[in-house]
Amino acid sequence: MSDRVTAVATVTLSGAQQVLAAAVEHAATLDVPVCVAVADRAGNLVAFARMDGAPLLSAGLAQDKAYTVAAFGLPTHAWWDLIKDTPSLLHGIVKTERLVIFGGGVPLVVDGELVGAVGVSGGSVEQDREIAEAGASALA
């Protein structure tokens, strides 16, 4: 590579399928039907599943959670504490398309580098986060 081009690590389809399978398996143990989206580091959808009985609206939310994480590198549950005490930011940033500021989206990190994200929606905020973290741990 030259000083004008860089190589970027990103999750592969195989890796995304591992994350997806681990998240769905964990959701099944909790008896919580969810949607799971895995995105590459650019926020592009790589793998997706909607478990039987998962709410329809959760399909888009799971994808937006993964996109939010890929775009900023922060888990979605970290957003509220960052913006809650700054009214202009709180009221302004939430107008950002596809931004989700509640739990269920976590980074996929390999060797300290962000390679993608997983978003989960359909359970409580705590369940979504737990399921997403279970999926992410399959790649670490």
N, C-alpha and C. Protein backbone atom coordinates (compact mmCIF):
# COMPACT_ATOMS: atom_id res chain seq x y z
N MET A 1 0.84 -1.18 0.00
CA MET A 1 0.00 0.00 0.00
C MET A 1 0.88 1.25 0.00
N SER A 2 0.34 2.27 -0.56
CA SER A 2 1.05 3.54 -0.60
C SER A 2 0.49 4.48 0.45
N ASP A 3 0.99 5.69 0.47
CA ASP A 3 0.47 6.68 1.42
C ASP A 3 -0.88 7.24 0.95
N ARG A 4 -1.38 6.81 -0.20
CA ARG A 4 -2.67 7.27 -0.71
C ARG A 4 -3.77 6.24 -0.58
N VAL A 5 -3.41 5.02 -0.24
CA VAL A 5 -4.38 3.93 -0.13
C VAL A 5 -4.05 3.11 1.11
N THR A 6 -5.07 2.65 1.79
CA THR A 6 -4.85 1.84 2.98
C THR A 6 -5.72 0.59 2.93
N ALA A 7 -5.24 -0.45 3.54
CA ALA A 7 -6.03 -1.68 3.66
C ALA A 7 -6.89 -1.56 4.91
N VAL A 8 -8.13 -1.99 4.81
CA VAL A 8 -9.07 -1.88 5.93
C VAL A 8 -9.63 -3.27 6.23
N ALA A 9 -9.51 -3.67 7.49
CA ALA A 9 -10.09 -4.95 7.90
C ALA A 9 -11.60 -4.78 8.09
N THR A 10 -12.36 -5.76 7.61
CA THR A 10 -13.81 -5.72 7.77
C THR A 10 -14.35 -7.13 7.91
N VAL A 11 -15.47 -7.27 8.54
CA VAL A 11 -16.06 -8.59 8.74
C VAL A 11 -16.44 -9.20 7.39
N THR A 12 -16.19 -10.49 7.24
CA THR A 12 -16.56 -11.21 6.03
C THR A 12 -17.95 -11.82 6.19
N LEU A 13 -18.48 -12.36 5.13
CA LEU A 13 -19.76 -13.05 5.21
C LEU A 13 -19.68 -14.20 6.20
N SER A 14 -18.60 -14.96 6.16
CA SER A 14 -18.43 -16.07 7.09
C SER A 14 -18.42 -15.59 8.54
N GLY A 15 -17.70 -14.52 8.80
CA GLY A 15 -17.67 -13.96 10.15
C GLY A 15 -19.02 -13.43 10.57
N ALA A 16 -19.71 -12.76 9.65
CA ALA A 16 -21.03 -12.22 9.94
C ALA A 16 -22.01 -13.34 10.26
N GLN A 17 -21.90 -14.45 9.54
CA GLN A 17 -22.79 -15.58 9.79
C GLN A 17 -22.53 -16.20 11.17
N GLN A 18 -21.27 -16.19 11.62
CA GLN A 18 -20.93 -16.67 12.96
C GLN A 18 -21.61 -15.79 14.01
N VAL A 19 -21.49 -14.49 13.84
CA VAL A 19 -22.10 -13.52 14.76
C VAL A 19 -23.61 -13.72 14.78
N LEU A 20 -24.20 -13.81 13.62
CA LEU A 20 -25.64 -13.98 13.49
C LEU A 20 -26.10 -15.26 14.19
N ALA A 21 -25.42 -16.35 13.95
CA ALA A 21 -25.80 -17.63 14.55
C ALA A 21 -25.70 -17.58 16.07
N ALA A 22 -24.63 -16.98 16.59
CA ALA A 22 -24.46 -16.90 18.04
C ALA A 22 -25.53 -16.02 18.67
N ALA A 23 -25.88 -14.93 18.01
CA ALA A 23 -26.91 -14.04 18.54
C ALA A 23 -28.27 -14.73 18.54
N VAL A 24 -28.62 -15.37 17.45
CA VAL A 24 -29.92 -16.06 17.35
C VAL A 24 -29.98 -17.19 18.38
N GLU A 25 -28.90 -17.91 18.54
CA GLU A 25 -28.86 -19.00 19.53
C GLU A 25 -29.09 -18.44 20.94
N HIS A 26 -28.44 -17.34 21.26
CA HIS A 26 -28.60 -16.75 22.59
C HIS A 26 -30.03 -16.24 22.78
N ALA A 27 -30.58 -15.61 21.76
CA ALA A 27 -31.96 -15.13 21.84
C ALA A 27 -32.93 -16.29 22.09
N ALA A 28 -32.67 -17.42 21.45
CA ALA A 28 -33.53 -18.59 21.63
C ALA A 28 -33.48 -19.09 23.07
N THR A 29 -32.30 -19.04 23.70
CA THR A 29 -32.20 -19.48 25.10
C THR A 29 -32.98 -18.55 26.03
N LEU A 30 -33.12 -17.29 25.63
CA LEU A 30 -33.90 -16.33 26.42
C LEU A 30 -35.38 -16.36 26.05
N ASP A 31 -35.70 -17.11 24.99
CA ASP A 31 -37.07 -17.17 24.45
C ASP A 31 -37.56 -15.78 24.04
N VAL A 32 -36.66 -15.05 23.36
CA VAL A 32 -36.96 -13.71 22.89
C VAL A 32 -36.74 -13.67 21.38
N PRO A 33 -37.81 -13.59 20.59
CA PRO A 33 -37.64 -13.51 19.13
C PRO A 33 -37.18 -12.11 18.73
N VAL A 34 -36.07 -12.05 18.03
CA VAL A 34 -35.48 -10.77 17.65
C VAL A 34 -35.07 -10.77 16.19
N CYS A 35 -34.72 -9.59 15.73
CA CYS A 35 -34.06 -9.42 14.44
C CYS A 35 -32.60 -9.12 14.73
N VAL A 36 -31.72 -9.68 13.92
CA VAL A 36 -30.29 -9.49 14.10
C VAL A 36 -29.71 -9.04 12.77
N ALA A 37 -28.96 -7.94 12.81
CA ALA A 37 -28.29 -7.41 11.62
C ALA A 37 -26.80 -7.32 11.88
N VAL A 38 -26.02 -7.76 10.93
CA VAL A 38 -24.56 -7.64 11.01
C VAL A 38 -24.11 -6.79 9.84
N ALA A 39 -23.37 -5.73 10.16
CA ALA A 39 -22.88 -4.80 9.14
C ALA A 39 -21.36 -4.82 9.10
N ASP A 40 -20.80 -4.48 7.95
CA ASP A 40 -19.35 -4.34 7.86
C ASP A 40 -18.95 -3.00 8.46
N ARG A 41 -17.67 -2.69 8.46
CA ARG A 41 -17.22 -1.47 9.13
C ARG A 41 -17.71 -0.19 8.46
N ALA A 42 -18.20 -0.30 7.23
CA ALA A 42 -18.76 0.86 6.53
C ALA A 42 -20.27 0.99 6.75
N GLY A 43 -20.84 0.06 7.53
CA GLY A 43 -22.27 0.12 7.82
C GLY A 43 -23.15 -0.61 6.82
N ASN A 44 -22.55 -1.30 5.87
CA ASN A 44 -23.31 -2.05 4.88
C ASN A 44 -23.77 -3.39 5.47
N LEU A 45 -25.02 -3.73 5.24
CA LEU A 45 -25.56 -4.98 5.75
C LEU A 45 -24.86 -6.17 5.11
N VAL A 46 -24.40 -7.11 5.94
CA VAL A 46 -23.73 -8.32 5.46
C VAL A 46 -24.60 -9.55 5.71
N ALA A 47 -25.25 -9.59 6.86
CA ALA A 47 -26.10 -10.74 7.20
C ALA A 47 -27.27 -10.24 8.05
N PHE A 48 -28.41 -10.92 7.89
CA PHE A 48 -29.61 -10.50 8.61
C PHE A 48 -30.50 -11.71 8.85
N ALA A 49 -31.17 -11.72 10.01
CA ALA A 49 -32.18 -12.74 10.29
C ALA A 49 -33.30 -12.13 11.11
N ARG A 50 -34.51 -12.56 10.80
CA ARG A 50 -35.68 -12.20 11.61
C ARG A 50 -36.25 -13.50 12.15
N MET A 51 -36.10 -13.70 13.46
CA MET A 51 -36.61 -14.91 14.08
C MET A 51 -38.14 -14.94 13.98
N ASP A 52 -38.69 -16.13 13.94
CA ASP A 52 -40.15 -16.28 13.93
C ASP A 52 -40.73 -15.54 15.12
N GLY A 53 -41.71 -14.69 14.87
CA GLY A 53 -42.37 -13.97 15.93
C GLY A 53 -41.74 -12.63 16.30
N ALA A 54 -40.61 -12.30 15.69
CA ALA A 54 -39.98 -11.00 15.98
C ALA A 54 -40.83 -9.88 15.41
N PRO A 55 -40.95 -8.77 16.13
CA PRO A 55 -41.76 -7.66 15.62
C PRO A 55 -41.24 -7.14 14.28
N LEU A 56 -42.14 -6.82 13.39
CA LEU A 56 -41.77 -6.34 12.06
C LEU A 56 -40.92 -5.07 12.13
N LEU A 57 -41.29 -4.14 12.99
CA LEU A 57 -40.54 -2.88 13.10
C LEU A 57 -39.09 -3.12 13.54
N SER A 58 -38.85 -4.22 14.22
CA SER A 58 -37.51 -4.53 14.71
C SER A 58 -36.52 -4.80 13.58
N ALA A 59 -37.00 -5.17 12.41
CA ALA A 59 -36.10 -5.43 11.28
C ALA A 59 -35.29 -4.19 10.93
N GLY A 60 -35.96 -3.07 10.79
CA GLY A 60 -35.26 -1.82 10.47
C GLY A 60 -34.43 -1.32 11.63
N LEU A 61 -34.95 -1.46 12.86
CA LEU A 61 -34.21 -0.99 14.03
C LEU A 61 -32.90 -1.75 14.21
N ALA A 62 -32.92 -3.05 14.02
CA ALA A 62 -31.68 -3.84 14.15
C ALA A 62 -30.64 -3.36 13.14
N GLN A 63 -31.08 -3.12 11.92
CA GLN A 63 -30.14 -2.64 10.89
C GLN A 63 -29.62 -1.25 11.23
N ASP A 64 -30.48 -0.38 11.75
CA ASP A 64 -30.05 0.96 12.11
C ASP A 64 -29.11 0.95 13.31
N LYS A 65 -29.31 0.03 14.23
CA LYS A 65 -28.39 -0.09 15.37
C LYS A 65 -27.00 -0.49 14.88
N ALA A 66 -26.93 -1.46 13.99
CA ALA A 66 -25.64 -1.87 13.45
C ALA A 66 -24.99 -0.72 12.68
N TYR A 67 -25.78 0.01 11.91
CA TYR A 67 -25.28 1.15 11.14
C TYR A 67 -24.73 2.24 12.06
N THR A 68 -25.46 2.54 13.14
CA THR A 68 -25.02 3.56 14.09
C THR A 68 -23.67 3.20 14.68
N VAL A 69 -23.50 1.95 15.07
CA VAL A 69 -22.23 1.51 15.65
C VAL A 69 -21.11 1.60 14.63
N ALA A 70 -21.36 1.14 13.42
CA ALA A 70 -20.32 1.20 12.38
C ALA A 70 -19.94 2.64 12.06
N ALA A 71 -20.91 3.52 12.07
CA ALA A 71 -20.66 4.92 11.71
C ALA A 71 -19.82 5.65 12.75
N PHE A 72 -19.99 5.30 14.03
CA PHE A 72 -19.32 6.05 15.09
C PHE A 72 -18.38 5.21 15.94
N GLY A 73 -18.46 3.89 15.86
CA GLY A 73 -17.60 3.02 16.65
C GLY A 73 -18.04 2.87 18.10
N LEU A 74 -19.17 3.46 18.45
CA LEU A 74 -19.69 3.39 19.82
C LEU A 74 -20.86 2.44 19.89
N PRO A 75 -20.97 1.68 20.98
CA PRO A 75 -22.20 0.90 21.16
C PRO A 75 -23.38 1.85 21.32
N THR A 76 -24.53 1.43 20.87
CA THR A 76 -25.68 2.34 20.91
C THR A 76 -26.07 2.73 22.34
N HIS A 77 -25.83 1.85 23.31
CA HIS A 77 -26.20 2.18 24.68
C HIS A 77 -25.33 3.29 25.27
N ALA A 78 -24.21 3.62 24.66
CA ALA A 78 -23.32 4.67 25.16
C ALA A 78 -23.80 6.07 24.78
N TRP A 79 -24.68 6.17 23.79
CA TRP A 79 -25.09 7.47 23.28
C TRP A 79 -25.82 8.34 24.30
N TRP A 80 -26.75 7.77 25.03
CA TRP A 80 -27.57 8.59 25.92
C TRP A 80 -26.71 9.39 26.90
N ASP A 81 -25.75 8.73 27.55
CA ASP A 81 -24.91 9.44 28.51
C ASP A 81 -24.08 10.53 27.84
N LEU A 82 -23.76 10.38 26.58
CA LEU A 82 -22.98 11.40 25.86
C LEU A 82 -23.80 12.65 25.52
N ILE A 83 -25.09 12.49 25.32
CA ILE A 83 -25.88 13.62 24.83
C ILE A 83 -26.92 14.15 25.79
N LYS A 84 -27.25 13.43 26.84
CA LYS A 84 -28.38 13.79 27.71
C LYS A 84 -28.26 15.15 28.39
N ASP A 85 -27.04 15.60 28.67
CA ASP A 85 -26.87 16.86 29.39
C ASP A 85 -26.56 18.05 28.49
N THR A 86 -26.64 17.86 27.19
CA THR A 86 -26.38 18.93 26.24
C THR A 86 -27.61 19.09 25.35
N PRO A 87 -28.53 19.98 25.75
CA PRO A 87 -29.81 20.09 25.02
C PRO A 87 -29.66 20.29 23.52
N SER A 88 -28.74 21.13 23.08
CA SER A 88 -28.63 21.35 21.64
C SER A 88 -28.21 20.07 20.92
N LEU A 89 -27.32 19.32 21.51
CA LEU A 89 -26.89 18.05 20.91
C LEU A 89 -28.02 17.02 20.99
N LEU A 90 -28.65 16.94 22.15
CA LEU A 90 -29.73 15.98 22.35
C LEU A 90 -30.85 16.17 21.33
N HIS A 91 -31.23 17.42 21.10
CA HIS A 91 -32.34 17.68 20.18
C HIS A 91 -31.90 17.74 18.73
N GLY A 92 -30.63 17.95 18.49
CA GLY A 92 -30.13 18.04 17.12
C GLY A 92 -29.70 16.71 16.55
N ILE A 93 -28.91 15.95 17.29
CA ILE A 93 -28.34 14.72 16.73
C ILE A 93 -29.39 13.65 16.51
N VAL A 94 -30.47 13.68 17.29
CA VAL A 94 -31.50 12.65 17.10
C VAL A 94 -32.23 12.82 15.77
N LYS A 95 -32.00 13.90 15.09
CA LYS A 95 -32.56 14.09 13.75
C LYS A 95 -31.69 13.44 12.68
N THR A 96 -30.55 12.90 13.09
CA THR A 96 -29.65 12.22 12.18
C THR A 96 -30.29 10.91 11.73
N GLU A 97 -30.44 10.77 10.43
CA GLU A 97 -31.08 9.58 9.89
C GLU A 97 -30.33 8.31 10.31
N ARG A 98 -31.06 7.32 10.74
CA ARG A 98 -30.60 5.99 11.12
C ARG A 98 -29.86 5.92 12.46
N LEU A 99 -29.72 7.04 13.16
CA LEU A 99 -29.05 7.04 14.46
C LEU A 99 -29.97 6.45 15.53
N VAL A 100 -29.46 5.50 16.28
CA VAL A 100 -30.20 4.89 17.39
C VAL A 100 -29.40 5.15 18.67
N ILE A 101 -30.09 5.65 19.72
CA ILE A 101 -29.38 6.02 20.94
C ILE A 101 -29.80 5.16 22.14
N PHE A 102 -30.27 3.95 21.89
CA PHE A 102 -30.58 3.03 22.98
C PHE A 102 -29.97 1.68 22.67
N GLY A 103 -29.84 0.83 23.66
CA GLY A 103 -29.08 -0.41 23.56
C GLY A 103 -29.51 -1.39 22.51
N GLY A 104 -28.56 -2.24 22.15
CA GLY A 104 -28.81 -3.30 21.18
C GLY A 104 -27.85 -3.31 20.01
N GLY A 105 -26.97 -2.32 19.93
CA GLY A 105 -25.95 -2.28 18.88
C GLY A 105 -24.57 -2.28 19.51
N VAL A 106 -23.73 -3.21 19.09
CA VAL A 106 -22.37 -3.28 19.65
C VAL A 106 -21.34 -3.45 18.53
N PRO A 107 -20.13 -2.97 18.78
CA PRO A 107 -19.07 -3.11 17.78
C PRO A 107 -18.57 -4.54 17.67
N LEU A 108 -18.09 -4.87 16.50
CA LEU A 108 -17.34 -6.10 16.28
C LEU A 108 -15.87 -5.68 16.21
N VAL A 109 -15.09 -6.15 17.15
CA VAL A 109 -13.69 -5.74 17.26
C VAL A 109 -12.81 -6.98 17.20
N VAL A 110 -11.80 -6.93 16.33
CA VAL A 110 -10.82 -8.01 16.22
C VAL A 110 -9.44 -7.37 16.32
N ASP A 111 -8.64 -7.88 17.23
CA ASP A 111 -7.29 -7.36 17.46
C ASP A 111 -7.31 -5.84 17.68
N GLY A 112 -8.29 -5.38 18.41
CA GLY A 112 -8.39 -3.97 18.75
C GLY A 112 -8.91 -3.07 17.64
N GLU A 113 -9.32 -3.65 16.53
CA GLU A 113 -9.79 -2.86 15.39
C GLU A 113 -11.27 -3.12 15.11
N LEU A 114 -12.02 -2.03 14.90
CA LEU A 114 -13.42 -2.14 14.53
C LEU A 114 -13.52 -2.76 13.14
N VAL A 115 -14.24 -3.88 13.03
CA VAL A 115 -14.40 -4.55 11.74
C VAL A 115 -15.85 -4.62 11.30
N GLY A 116 -16.76 -4.15 12.15
CA GLY A 116 -18.17 -4.18 11.82
C GLY A 116 -19.00 -3.96 13.05
N ALA A 117 -20.28 -4.32 12.96
CA ALA A 117 -21.20 -4.10 14.07
C ALA A 117 -22.35 -5.08 13.99
N VAL A 118 -22.96 -5.32 15.14
CA VAL A 118 -24.16 -6.14 15.21
C VAL A 118 -25.25 -5.34 15.90
N GLY A 119 -26.45 -5.39 15.33
CA GLY A 119 -27.60 -4.74 15.91
C GLY A 119 -28.71 -5.74 16.16
N VAL A 120 -29.35 -5.63 17.31
CA VAL A 120 -30.42 -6.56 17.68
C VAL A 120 -31.62 -5.74 18.14
N SER A 121 -32.82 -6.16 17.73
CA SER A 121 -34.04 -5.49 18.16
C SER A 121 -35.16 -6.51 18.25
N GLY A 122 -36.00 -6.32 19.26
CA GLY A 122 -37.16 -7.19 19.43
C GLY A 122 -37.44 -7.52 20.88
N GLY A 123 -36.42 -7.42 21.72
CA GLY A 123 -36.59 -7.65 23.15
C GLY A 123 -36.54 -6.33 23.88
N SER A 124 -36.31 -6.39 25.19
CA SER A 124 -36.09 -5.16 25.94
C SER A 124 -34.72 -4.61 25.55
N VAL A 125 -34.44 -3.39 25.93
CA VAL A 125 -33.14 -2.80 25.63
C VAL A 125 -32.02 -3.67 26.22
N GLU A 126 -32.22 -4.15 27.43
CA GLU A 126 -31.21 -4.99 28.09
C GLU A 126 -31.04 -6.33 27.35
N GLN A 127 -32.15 -6.93 26.95
CA GLN A 127 -32.07 -8.20 26.21
C GLN A 127 -31.39 -8.00 24.86
N ASP A 128 -31.76 -6.95 24.15
CA ASP A 128 -31.14 -6.67 22.85
C ASP A 128 -29.64 -6.53 23.00
N ARG A 129 -29.22 -5.78 24.01
CA ARG A 129 -27.77 -5.59 24.24
C ARG A 129 -27.10 -6.92 24.57
N GLU A 130 -27.69 -7.71 25.45
CA GLU A 130 -27.12 -9.00 25.84
C GLU A 130 -26.98 -9.92 24.63
N ILE A 131 -27.98 -9.95 23.80
CA ILE A 131 -27.97 -10.81 22.61
C ILE A 131 -26.92 -10.32 21.62
N ALA A 132 -26.82 -9.01 21.43
CA ALA A 132 -25.81 -8.45 20.52
C ALA A 132 -24.41 -8.76 21.04
N GLU A 133 -24.20 -8.64 22.33
CA GLU A 133 -22.88 -8.93 22.90
C GLU A 133 -22.54 -10.42 22.76
N ALA A 134 -23.54 -11.28 22.89
CA ALA A 134 -23.31 -12.72 22.67
C ALA A 134 -22.90 -12.98 21.23
N GLY A 135 -23.54 -12.29 20.30
CA GLY A 135 -23.15 -12.44 18.90
C GLY A 135 -21.74 -11.94 18.65
N ALA A 136 -21.43 -10.77 19.17
CA ALA A 136 -20.11 -10.19 18.97
C ALA A 136 -19.00 -11.06 19.56
N SER A 137 -19.29 -11.72 20.66
CA SER A 137 -18.26 -12.55 21.29
C SER A 137 -17.86 -13.73 20.42
N ALA A 138 -18.72 -14.12 19.50
CA ALA A 138 -18.40 -15.23 18.59
C ALA A 138 -17.28 -14.88 17.62
N LEU A 139 -17.07 -13.60 17.40
CA LEU A 139 -16.03 -13.16 16.45
C LEU A 139 -14.72 -12.83 17.13
N ALA A 140 -14.81 -12.47 18.40
CA ALA A 140 -13.60 -12.01 19.13
C ALA A 140 -12.58 -13.11 19.35
